[in-house]
N, C-alpha and C. Protein backbone atom coordinates (compact mmCIF):
# COMPACT_ATOMS: atom_id res chain seq x y z
N UNK A 1 214.16 172.00 111.80
CA UNK A 1 214.01 171.75 113.57
C UNK A 1 214.33 173.58 113.30
N UNK A 2 213.33 174.20 114.56
CA UNK A 2 213.22 175.12 115.21
C UNK A 2 213.70 175.45 116.16
N UNK A 3 215.43 175.83 115.93
CA UNK A 3 216.25 175.63 116.80
C UNK A 3 216.94 176.64 117.33
N UNK A 4 217.72 177.45 118.09
CA UNK A 4 218.39 178.90 117.73
C UNK A 4 219.42 177.93 118.61
N UNK A 5 220.53 178.32 117.98
CA UNK A 5 222.43 177.40 118.77
C UNK A 5 223.02 178.93 118.61
N UNK A 6 223.39 179.34 120.13
CA UNK A 6 224.19 180.25 120.44
C UNK A 6 225.15 179.75 120.37
N UNK A 7 226.35 180.13 119.69
CA UNK A 7 227.65 180.92 119.58
C UNK A 7 228.83 181.13 119.86
N UNK A 8 230.02 181.42 120.56
CA UNK A 8 230.98 182.98 120.31
C UNK A 8 231.26 182.44 122.00
N UNK A 9 232.35 183.47 121.84
CA UNK A 9 233.47 183.09 122.72
C UNK A 9 232.86 183.20 124.48
N UNK A 10 233.59 183.12 125.65
CA UNK A 10 232.84 182.74 126.78
C UNK A 10 232.74 184.37 127.10
N UNK A 11 232.00 184.62 127.63
CA UNK A 11 231.04 185.86 127.76
C UNK A 11 231.01 186.82 127.50
N UNK A 12 230.34 186.57 125.81
CA UNK A 12 229.71 187.35 125.23
C UNK A 12 228.09 187.25 125.49
N UNK A 13 227.46 186.64 126.78
CA UNK A 13 226.26 186.10 126.67
C UNK A 13 225.55 185.49 126.15
N UNK A 14 226.54 184.59 125.87
CA UNK A 14 224.97 183.22 125.40
C UNK A 14 224.34 182.87 126.19
N UNK A 15 224.60 182.76 127.43
CA UNK A 15 223.87 182.27 128.55
C UNK A 15 222.63 183.01 128.86
N UNK A 16 222.78 184.14 128.85
CA UNK A 16 222.67 185.53 129.48
C UNK A 16 221.33 186.09 128.45
N UNK A 17 221.20 186.14 127.29
CA UNK A 17 220.68 185.99 125.97
C UNK A 17 219.81 185.34 125.67
N UNK A 18 220.25 184.03 125.53
CA UNK A 18 219.42 182.33 125.42
C UNK A 18 218.55 182.10 126.56
N UNK A 19 218.48 182.66 127.39
CA UNK A 19 217.42 182.23 128.85
C UNK A 19 216.16 183.72 128.55
N UNK A 20 216.27 184.44 127.98
CA UNK A 20 215.43 185.49 127.60
C UNK A 20 214.90 185.17 125.65
N UNK A 21 216.01 185.66 125.17
CA UNK A 21 215.20 185.28 124.12
C UNK A 21 214.42 183.59 123.86
N UNK A 22 214.60 182.70 124.29
CA UNK A 22 214.20 181.23 125.02
C UNK A 22 212.33 181.80 125.21
N UNK A 23 212.63 182.94 126.09
CA UNK A 23 210.86 183.18 127.04
C UNK A 23 210.11 183.92 125.54
N UNK A 24 211.19 184.64 124.86
CA UNK A 24 210.29 185.94 124.10
C UNK A 24 210.00 184.94 123.25
N UNK A 25 210.18 184.28 122.66
CA UNK A 25 209.71 183.14 121.58
C UNK A 25 209.21 181.85 122.04
N UNK A 26 209.44 181.61 123.41
CA UNK A 26 207.97 180.33 123.83
C UNK A 26 208.86 178.99 123.39
N UNK A 27 210.58 179.05 123.44
CA UNK A 27 210.95 178.17 122.80
C UNK A 27 211.66 177.64 124.67
N UNK A 28 211.98 176.25 125.15
CA UNK A 28 212.78 175.37 125.19
C UNK A 28 213.98 176.47 125.80
N UNK A 29 215.18 176.66 126.94
CA UNK A 29 216.53 177.16 126.77
C UNK A 29 217.36 175.73 127.46
N UNK A 30 217.91 175.39 126.45
CA UNK A 30 219.26 174.80 126.93
C UNK A 30 220.54 174.78 126.77
N UNK A 31 221.12 175.08 128.35
CA UNK A 31 223.00 175.08 128.38
C UNK A 31 223.54 173.91 128.57
N UNK A 32 224.52 173.62 127.61
CA UNK A 32 225.13 172.84 126.98
C UNK A 32 226.07 172.70 127.91
N UNK A 33 226.64 173.49 128.35
CA UNK A 33 227.86 173.10 129.33
C UNK A 33 226.53 172.79 131.10
N UNK A 34 225.89 173.48 131.16
CA UNK A 34 225.00 172.47 132.44
C UNK A 34 225.06 170.92 132.16
N UNK A 35 224.29 170.88 130.63
CA UNK A 35 224.26 168.86 129.93
C UNK A 35 225.61 168.50 130.49
N UNK A 36 226.98 169.14 130.11
CA UNK A 36 228.02 168.44 130.14
C UNK A 36 228.29 168.08 131.58
N UNK A 37 228.21 169.04 132.56
CA UNK A 37 228.70 168.89 134.34
C UNK A 37 227.17 167.62 134.83
N UNK A 38 226.32 168.51 134.30
CA UNK A 38 225.19 166.28 134.49
C UNK A 38 225.74 165.72 134.41
N UNK A 39 225.87 165.24 132.97
CA UNK A 39 226.38 164.17 132.60
C UNK A 39 227.60 162.99 133.51
N UNK A 40 228.36 164.01 133.39
CA UNK A 40 230.36 164.15 134.05
C UNK A 40 229.74 164.19 135.50
N UNK A 41 229.14 164.57 135.98
CA UNK A 41 228.53 164.78 137.89
C UNK A 41 230.31 165.52 138.28
N UNK A 42 230.55 166.84 137.52
CA UNK A 42 231.37 167.67 137.73
C UNK A 42 231.34 168.67 137.58
N UNK A 43 231.97 169.63 137.60
CA UNK A 43 232.42 171.13 136.56
C UNK A 43 232.96 170.91 136.01
N UNK A 44 232.61 172.48 135.25
CA UNK A 44 233.60 171.72 133.95
C UNK A 44 234.88 171.76 134.32
N UNK A 45 235.73 173.21 135.09
CA UNK A 45 237.48 172.78 135.44
C UNK A 45 237.58 171.71 135.12
N UNK A 46 236.90 171.40 136.12
CA UNK A 46 236.85 169.62 137.13
C UNK A 46 237.43 168.42 136.10
N UNK A 47 236.78 168.83 134.82
CA UNK A 47 236.94 167.63 134.26
C UNK A 47 238.30 168.24 133.20
N UNK A 48 238.27 169.47 132.98
CA UNK A 48 239.69 169.60 132.74
C UNK A 48 240.75 169.79 133.09
N UNK A 49 240.68 170.34 134.63
CA UNK A 49 241.87 169.62 135.40
C UNK A 49 241.71 168.13 135.40
N UNK A 50 240.98 167.55 135.81
CA UNK A 50 241.03 166.08 135.40
C UNK A 50 241.19 165.18 134.70
N UNK A 51 240.63 165.67 133.35
CA UNK A 51 241.13 165.10 132.23
C UNK A 51 241.73 165.40 131.26
N UNK A 52 242.21 166.76 131.30
CA UNK A 52 242.75 167.44 130.56
C UNK A 52 241.69 168.05 129.71
N UNK A 53 242.01 169.01 128.19
CA UNK A 53 241.51 169.84 127.45
C UNK A 53 241.40 168.76 126.60
N UNK A 54 241.92 167.67 125.78
CA UNK A 54 241.61 167.07 124.54
C UNK A 54 240.26 166.38 125.25
N UNK A 55 240.62 165.79 126.81
CA UNK A 55 239.46 164.63 126.79
C UNK A 55 238.14 165.35 126.88
N UNK A 56 237.96 167.23 127.63
CA UNK A 56 237.49 168.05 128.18
C UNK A 56 236.09 167.27 126.55
N UNK A 57 236.91 168.42 125.08
CA UNK A 57 236.54 168.37 124.12
C UNK A 57 235.57 167.55 123.05
N UNK A 58 236.20 166.30 123.89
CA UNK A 58 235.86 164.81 123.35
C UNK A 58 234.45 164.61 124.01
N UNK A 59 234.64 164.78 125.75
CA UNK A 59 233.29 164.94 126.42
C UNK A 59 232.21 165.57 125.01
N UNK A 60 233.01 167.25 125.38
CA UNK A 60 231.83 168.31 125.26
C UNK A 60 231.18 168.14 123.56
N UNK A 61 231.98 167.71 122.80
CA UNK A 61 231.65 166.54 121.33
C UNK A 61 230.76 166.26 121.54
N UNK A 62 230.75 165.20 122.44
CA UNK A 62 229.70 164.00 122.20
C UNK A 62 228.70 164.32 123.02
N UNK A 63 228.49 165.29 124.11
CA UNK A 63 227.10 165.14 124.30
C UNK A 63 226.65 166.23 123.88
N UNK A 64 227.23 167.67 122.71
CA UNK A 64 226.35 168.15 122.56
C UNK A 64 225.64 168.16 120.44
N UNK A 65 226.27 166.65 120.42
CA UNK A 65 226.48 165.90 119.20
C UNK A 65 224.82 165.20 119.49
N UNK A 66 225.42 164.91 120.96
CA UNK A 66 223.57 163.99 121.51
C UNK A 66 222.14 164.95 121.52
N UNK A 67 222.08 166.36 121.28
CA UNK A 67 221.11 166.90 121.93
C UNK A 67 220.46 166.81 120.85
N UNK A 68 219.12 166.49 121.63
CA UNK A 68 218.17 166.31 120.78
C UNK A 68 217.10 167.33 121.35
N UNK A 69 216.57 168.32 119.96
CA UNK A 69 215.53 169.54 120.60
C UNK A 69 214.86 169.63 119.50
N UNK A 70 213.75 170.68 120.06
CA UNK A 70 212.89 171.01 119.57
C UNK A 70 212.31 172.35 120.16
N UNK A 71 212.01 173.44 118.52
CA UNK A 71 211.73 175.14 119.59
C UNK A 71 212.35 175.55 120.59
N UNK A 72 213.76 175.05 120.72
CA UNK A 72 214.62 175.40 121.85
C UNK A 72 215.72 176.23 121.44
N UNK A 73 216.61 177.35 122.68
CA UNK A 73 217.41 178.19 122.28
C UNK A 73 218.59 177.61 122.73
N UNK A 74 219.60 177.03 122.52
CA UNK A 74 220.58 176.39 122.88
C UNK A 74 221.79 176.84 123.48
N UNK A 75 222.10 177.53 124.09
CA UNK A 75 223.32 178.13 124.10
C UNK A 75 224.60 177.15 124.61
N UNK A 76 225.69 176.98 123.91
CA UNK A 76 227.24 175.83 123.52
C UNK A 76 227.76 176.59 124.46
N UNK A 77 229.44 175.66 124.57
CA UNK A 77 230.44 176.61 125.73
C UNK A 77 231.36 176.90 124.66
N UNK A 78 232.16 177.48 125.00
CA UNK A 78 233.17 178.42 123.38
C UNK A 78 233.80 177.96 122.55
N UNK A 79 234.07 176.40 123.37
CA UNK A 79 235.14 175.16 122.68
C UNK A 79 233.63 174.84 121.77
N UNK A 80 233.09 174.55 121.54
CA UNK A 80 231.91 173.87 121.03
C UNK A 80 232.50 173.65 119.53
N UNK A 81 232.76 174.69 118.85
CA UNK A 81 233.52 174.65 117.58
C UNK A 81 234.63 174.02 117.22
N UNK A 82 235.18 173.32 118.51
CA UNK A 82 236.06 172.52 118.40
C UNK A 82 235.83 170.93 117.46
N UNK A 83 234.39 170.73 117.53
CA UNK A 83 234.07 169.39 117.71
C UNK A 83 233.29 169.15 116.43
N UNK A 84 233.79 168.82 115.60
CA UNK A 84 233.06 168.69 113.82
C UNK A 84 231.46 168.18 113.72
N UNK A 85 231.18 167.00 114.84
CA UNK A 85 230.39 166.47 114.30
C UNK A 85 229.49 166.87 115.03
N UNK A 86 229.66 167.83 116.44
CA UNK A 86 228.36 168.56 117.49
C UNK A 86 228.64 169.99 116.33
N UNK A 87 228.84 170.06 116.03
CA UNK A 87 229.17 171.72 114.73
C UNK A 87 227.91 171.01 113.94
N UNK A 88 228.36 169.59 113.10
CA UNK A 88 227.32 169.16 112.19
C UNK A 88 226.29 168.52 112.51
N UNK A 89 225.68 168.46 113.45
CA UNK A 89 224.06 168.09 114.29
C UNK A 89 223.98 169.40 114.76
N UNK A 90 224.40 170.38 115.53
CA UNK A 90 223.79 171.22 115.38
C UNK A 90 223.28 172.53 115.00
N UNK A 91 224.42 172.53 113.67
CA UNK A 91 223.90 173.85 112.17
C UNK A 91 222.53 172.45 111.72
N UNK A 92 222.44 171.06 111.62
CA UNK A 92 221.38 170.36 111.14
C UNK A 92 220.09 170.82 111.93
N UNK A 93 220.82 170.79 113.07
CA UNK A 93 218.29 170.70 114.08
C UNK A 93 218.54 172.37 114.02
N UNK A 94 219.20 173.39 113.78
CA UNK A 94 219.10 174.76 113.74
C UNK A 94 219.98 175.81 113.36
N UNK A 95 219.49 176.78 113.92
CA UNK A 95 220.58 178.12 112.96
C UNK A 95 221.32 178.93 113.96
N UNK A 96 222.78 178.41 113.55
CA UNK A 96 223.18 178.96 114.79
C UNK A 96 223.47 180.21 114.22
N UNK A 97 224.02 180.91 115.19
CA UNK A 97 223.68 182.70 115.53
C UNK A 97 224.89 182.59 116.03
N UNK A 98 226.10 183.22 115.81
CA UNK A 98 227.39 183.72 115.94
C UNK A 98 227.29 185.60 117.00
N UNK A 99 227.39 184.99 118.14
CA UNK A 99 227.36 186.37 119.15
C UNK A 99 228.52 187.34 119.13
N UNK A 100 229.23 187.77 118.43
CA UNK A 100 230.41 188.35 118.21
C UNK A 100 230.64 189.65 118.73
N UNK A 101 231.61 189.97 119.98
CA UNK A 101 232.44 190.93 120.44
C UNK A 101 233.53 191.40 120.64
N UNK A 102 234.01 192.60 120.37
CA UNK A 102 235.28 192.92 119.71
C UNK A 102 236.40 192.39 120.73
N UNK A 103 237.61 192.55 120.93
CA UNK A 103 238.29 191.48 121.82
C UNK A 103 238.44 192.57 123.15
N UNK A 104 238.91 193.56 123.03
CA UNK A 104 238.61 195.17 124.36
C UNK A 104 237.83 194.27 124.83
N UNK A 105 236.21 194.59 124.33
CA UNK A 105 234.88 194.16 125.71
C UNK A 105 234.60 193.23 126.15
N UNK A 106 235.09 192.13 125.38
CA UNK A 106 235.33 190.90 125.90
C UNK A 106 236.23 190.38 127.18
N UNK A 107 237.20 191.24 126.96
CA UNK A 107 238.34 191.30 127.78
C UNK A 107 238.35 191.95 129.23
N UNK A 108 237.07 193.01 129.09
CA UNK A 108 236.74 193.35 129.97
C UNK A 108 235.82 192.80 131.02
N UNK A 109 234.98 192.19 130.48
CA UNK A 109 233.95 191.07 130.54
C UNK A 109 234.78 189.71 131.79
N UNK A 110 235.81 189.21 130.87
CA UNK A 110 236.20 188.33 131.68
C UNK A 110 237.40 188.62 132.78
N UNK A 111 237.12 187.65 134.00
CA UNK A 111 238.05 187.92 134.85
C UNK A 111 238.56 186.92 135.15
N UNK A 112 238.39 185.87 135.77
CA UNK A 112 238.74 184.65 136.15
C UNK A 112 238.17 183.18 135.12
N UNK A 113 239.15 183.30 134.14
CA UNK A 113 238.31 182.25 132.53
C UNK A 113 239.02 181.01 133.09
N UNK A 114 239.62 180.47 133.64
CA UNK A 114 240.10 179.53 134.72
C UNK A 114 238.96 178.88 135.42
N UNK A 115 238.10 179.64 136.41
CA UNK A 115 237.54 179.50 137.17
C UNK A 115 236.37 179.05 136.06
N UNK A 116 235.64 179.30 135.01
CA UNK A 116 234.55 179.41 134.21
C UNK A 116 234.80 178.08 132.91
N UNK A 117 235.70 177.24 133.22
CA UNK A 117 236.33 176.25 132.27
C UNK A 117 235.92 176.48 131.15
N UNK A 118 236.46 177.60 131.10
CA UNK A 118 237.73 178.13 129.46
C UNK A 118 238.65 177.27 128.79
N UNK A 119 238.65 176.02 127.98
CA UNK A 119 239.39 175.71 127.86
C UNK A 119 240.48 175.86 126.84
N UNK A 120 241.58 176.60 127.54
CA UNK A 120 243.07 177.21 126.84
C UNK A 120 244.21 175.85 127.09
N UNK A 121 244.69 176.26 126.13
CA UNK A 121 245.91 175.68 125.74
C UNK A 121 247.43 175.86 127.03
N UNK A 122 248.47 175.45 126.83
CA UNK A 122 249.67 175.32 127.74
C UNK A 122 250.26 177.23 127.46
N UNK A 123 250.31 178.59 127.85
CA UNK A 123 250.83 179.53 127.15
C UNK A 123 249.63 180.02 126.62
N UNK A 124 248.81 179.62 126.90
CA UNK A 124 247.76 180.24 125.65
C UNK A 124 247.32 181.79 126.74
N UNK A 125 247.23 182.91 125.64
CA UNK A 125 246.34 183.33 126.42
C UNK A 125 245.17 183.73 125.53
N UNK A 126 244.02 184.70 126.27
CA UNK A 126 243.20 184.78 125.71
C UNK A 126 243.06 185.64 124.42
N UNK A 127 243.82 186.44 123.46
CA UNK A 127 244.30 187.00 122.33
C UNK A 127 243.94 185.73 121.49
N UNK A 128 245.25 185.38 121.82
CA UNK A 128 245.00 183.76 120.64
C UNK A 128 244.66 182.71 120.76
N UNK A 129 243.58 182.93 121.69
CA UNK A 129 241.90 182.03 122.50
C UNK A 129 241.61 182.48 121.07
N UNK A 130 241.02 184.29 121.21
CA UNK A 130 240.79 184.66 120.07
C UNK A 130 240.57 184.54 119.17
N UNK A 131 241.64 184.65 118.46
CA UNK A 131 242.22 184.74 117.27
C UNK A 131 241.64 183.49 117.05
N UNK A 132 241.51 182.09 117.12
CA UNK A 132 242.36 180.72 116.70
C UNK A 132 240.79 180.39 116.70
N UNK A 133 239.62 180.95 117.35
CA UNK A 133 238.23 180.23 117.56
C UNK A 133 237.49 181.61 116.53
N UNK A 134 237.70 182.93 116.55
CA UNK A 134 237.29 183.43 115.30
C UNK A 134 236.72 182.76 114.09
N UNK A 135 237.73 182.60 113.34
CA UNK A 135 237.48 181.82 112.49
C UNK A 135 236.56 180.83 112.01
N UNK A 136 236.64 180.36 113.34
CA UNK A 136 236.01 179.11 113.04
C UNK A 136 233.91 179.17 113.98
N UNK A 137 233.28 180.20 114.22
CA UNK A 137 233.19 180.84 114.80
C UNK A 137 232.57 181.03 113.54
N UNK A 138 232.65 181.71 112.33
CA UNK A 138 232.58 182.46 111.50
C UNK A 138 232.37 181.84 110.61
N UNK A 139 232.85 180.32 110.21
CA UNK A 139 233.16 179.55 109.23
C UNK A 139 231.20 178.89 109.88
N UNK A 140 231.18 178.34 110.59
CA UNK A 140 229.98 177.50 111.35
C UNK A 140 228.51 178.64 111.56
N UNK A 141 228.38 180.05 111.57
CA UNK A 141 227.73 181.01 111.40
C UNK A 141 226.50 180.65 110.49
N UNK A 142 225.32 180.90 111.06
CA UNK A 142 224.28 181.12 109.32
C UNK A 142 224.29 182.00 109.61
N UNK A 143 223.39 182.80 110.88
CA UNK A 143 223.79 184.58 111.52
C UNK A 143 224.61 185.27 112.27
N UNK A 144 225.42 186.12 111.76
CA UNK A 144 226.28 186.93 113.35
C UNK A 144 225.68 188.14 114.09
N UNK A 145 225.32 188.35 114.41
CA UNK A 145 225.06 189.62 115.88
C UNK A 145 226.32 189.56 116.18
N UNK A 146 226.86 191.08 115.77
CA UNK A 146 227.94 192.01 116.57
C UNK A 146 227.39 192.61 117.77
N UNK A 147 227.73 193.01 118.63
CA UNK A 147 227.20 193.34 119.72
C UNK A 147 227.93 193.94 120.14
N UNK A 148 229.33 194.77 119.80
CA UNK A 148 230.03 195.93 120.59
C UNK A 148 228.69 196.80 121.06
N UNK A 149 228.00 197.38 120.12
CA UNK A 149 226.95 198.47 120.65
C UNK A 149 225.64 198.05 121.26
N UNK A 150 225.49 196.70 121.82
CA UNK A 150 223.97 196.75 122.01
C UNK A 150 223.54 196.36 123.43
N UNK A 151 222.78 195.97 124.40
CA UNK A 151 222.44 195.41 125.55
C UNK A 151 222.24 194.21 124.72
N UNK A 152 221.94 193.97 125.77
CA UNK A 152 220.86 192.19 126.54
C UNK A 152 219.71 192.47 125.10
N UNK A 153 218.81 193.37 125.70
CA UNK A 153 217.79 193.56 125.28
C UNK A 153 217.69 193.75 123.46
N UNK A 154 218.76 194.64 123.43
CA UNK A 154 218.89 194.67 121.70
C UNK A 154 219.36 193.77 120.72
N UNK A 155 220.83 192.98 121.34
CA UNK A 155 220.76 192.37 121.22
C UNK A 155 220.38 190.88 120.75
N UNK A 156 218.42 190.15 121.87
CA UNK A 156 217.31 189.02 121.78
C UNK A 156 216.81 189.73 120.98
N UNK A 157 216.69 191.13 120.47
CA UNK A 157 215.75 192.05 119.20
C UNK A 157 216.53 191.60 117.82
N UNK A 158 217.75 191.67 118.22
CA UNK A 158 218.50 191.51 116.27
C UNK A 158 218.28 190.26 116.10
N UNK A 159 219.03 189.28 117.38
CA UNK A 159 218.39 187.62 116.95
C UNK A 159 216.90 187.31 116.91
N UNK A 160 216.03 187.56 116.88
CA UNK A 160 214.36 187.48 117.05
C UNK A 160 214.40 187.98 114.80
N UNK A 161 214.63 189.61 115.06
CA UNK A 161 214.33 190.12 113.69
C UNK A 161 215.40 188.64 112.61
N UNK A 162 216.79 188.81 112.80
CA UNK A 162 217.46 187.92 111.85
C UNK A 162 216.58 186.77 111.56
N UNK A 163 216.67 186.04 112.69
CA UNK A 163 216.14 184.51 112.79
C UNK A 163 214.83 185.11 111.74
N UNK A 164 214.21 185.46 112.23
CA UNK A 164 212.61 185.18 111.60
C UNK A 164 212.09 185.55 109.91
N UNK A 165 213.63 186.83 109.58
CA UNK A 165 213.88 186.90 108.47
C UNK A 165 214.16 185.83 107.88
N UNK A 166 215.64 185.34 108.02
CA UNK A 166 215.59 184.15 107.68
C UNK A 166 214.73 182.98 107.42
N UNK A 167 213.58 182.44 108.31
CA UNK A 167 213.37 181.82 108.25
C UNK A 167 211.65 182.36 107.18
N UNK A 168 211.44 183.43 106.83
CA UNK A 168 210.77 184.17 105.98
C UNK A 168 210.91 183.35 104.50
N UNK A 169 212.89 183.97 104.77
CA UNK A 169 213.33 183.64 103.44
C UNK A 169 213.02 182.52 102.93
N UNK A 170 212.85 181.66 103.58
CA UNK A 170 213.30 180.01 103.79
C UNK A 170 212.26 179.84 102.55
N UNK A 171 211.63 179.68 103.88
CA UNK A 171 209.51 180.00 103.65
C UNK A 171 209.18 180.18 102.11
N UNK A 172 209.68 181.23 101.54
CA UNK A 172 209.34 181.90 99.95
C UNK A 172 210.45 181.75 99.11
N UNK A 173 211.23 180.57 100.00
CA UNK A 173 211.64 180.43 97.99
C UNK A 173 211.52 179.24 97.33
């Protein structure tokens, strides 16, 4: 299937880049966090506050594992990599692209981490979260885009090039 699945920490620009990337490729744009909110009729942070982080992760896993799409850019929530079923499904329906940003730049972008509906365990810092998730992003990624010195347009150009090169290699194999 021709889909691009964007993964990475909150604040790396998955939704921002995803919308423009979808326009560039002529694909649909799907924001997985918005799907969760629609299915649950609540904001992400409300789900986390009312149900707890474990229940939220189960909901996120279920919703992402159920996404059916063709020719779509799917921007996932940063915690999607905790859901094995979701990641197996997303890997099966598309190319998983990890948007990677150094911690220092990420920290500058994130101000209200709780208000964004970010899954943090009790006492966990942003640094702890970054350390915990980075190996998971790397594990699931088909392609990695180092965003340290890129703006949104450059990030999109790199994704398009890597995606097309990968598809070309698949066709020639």
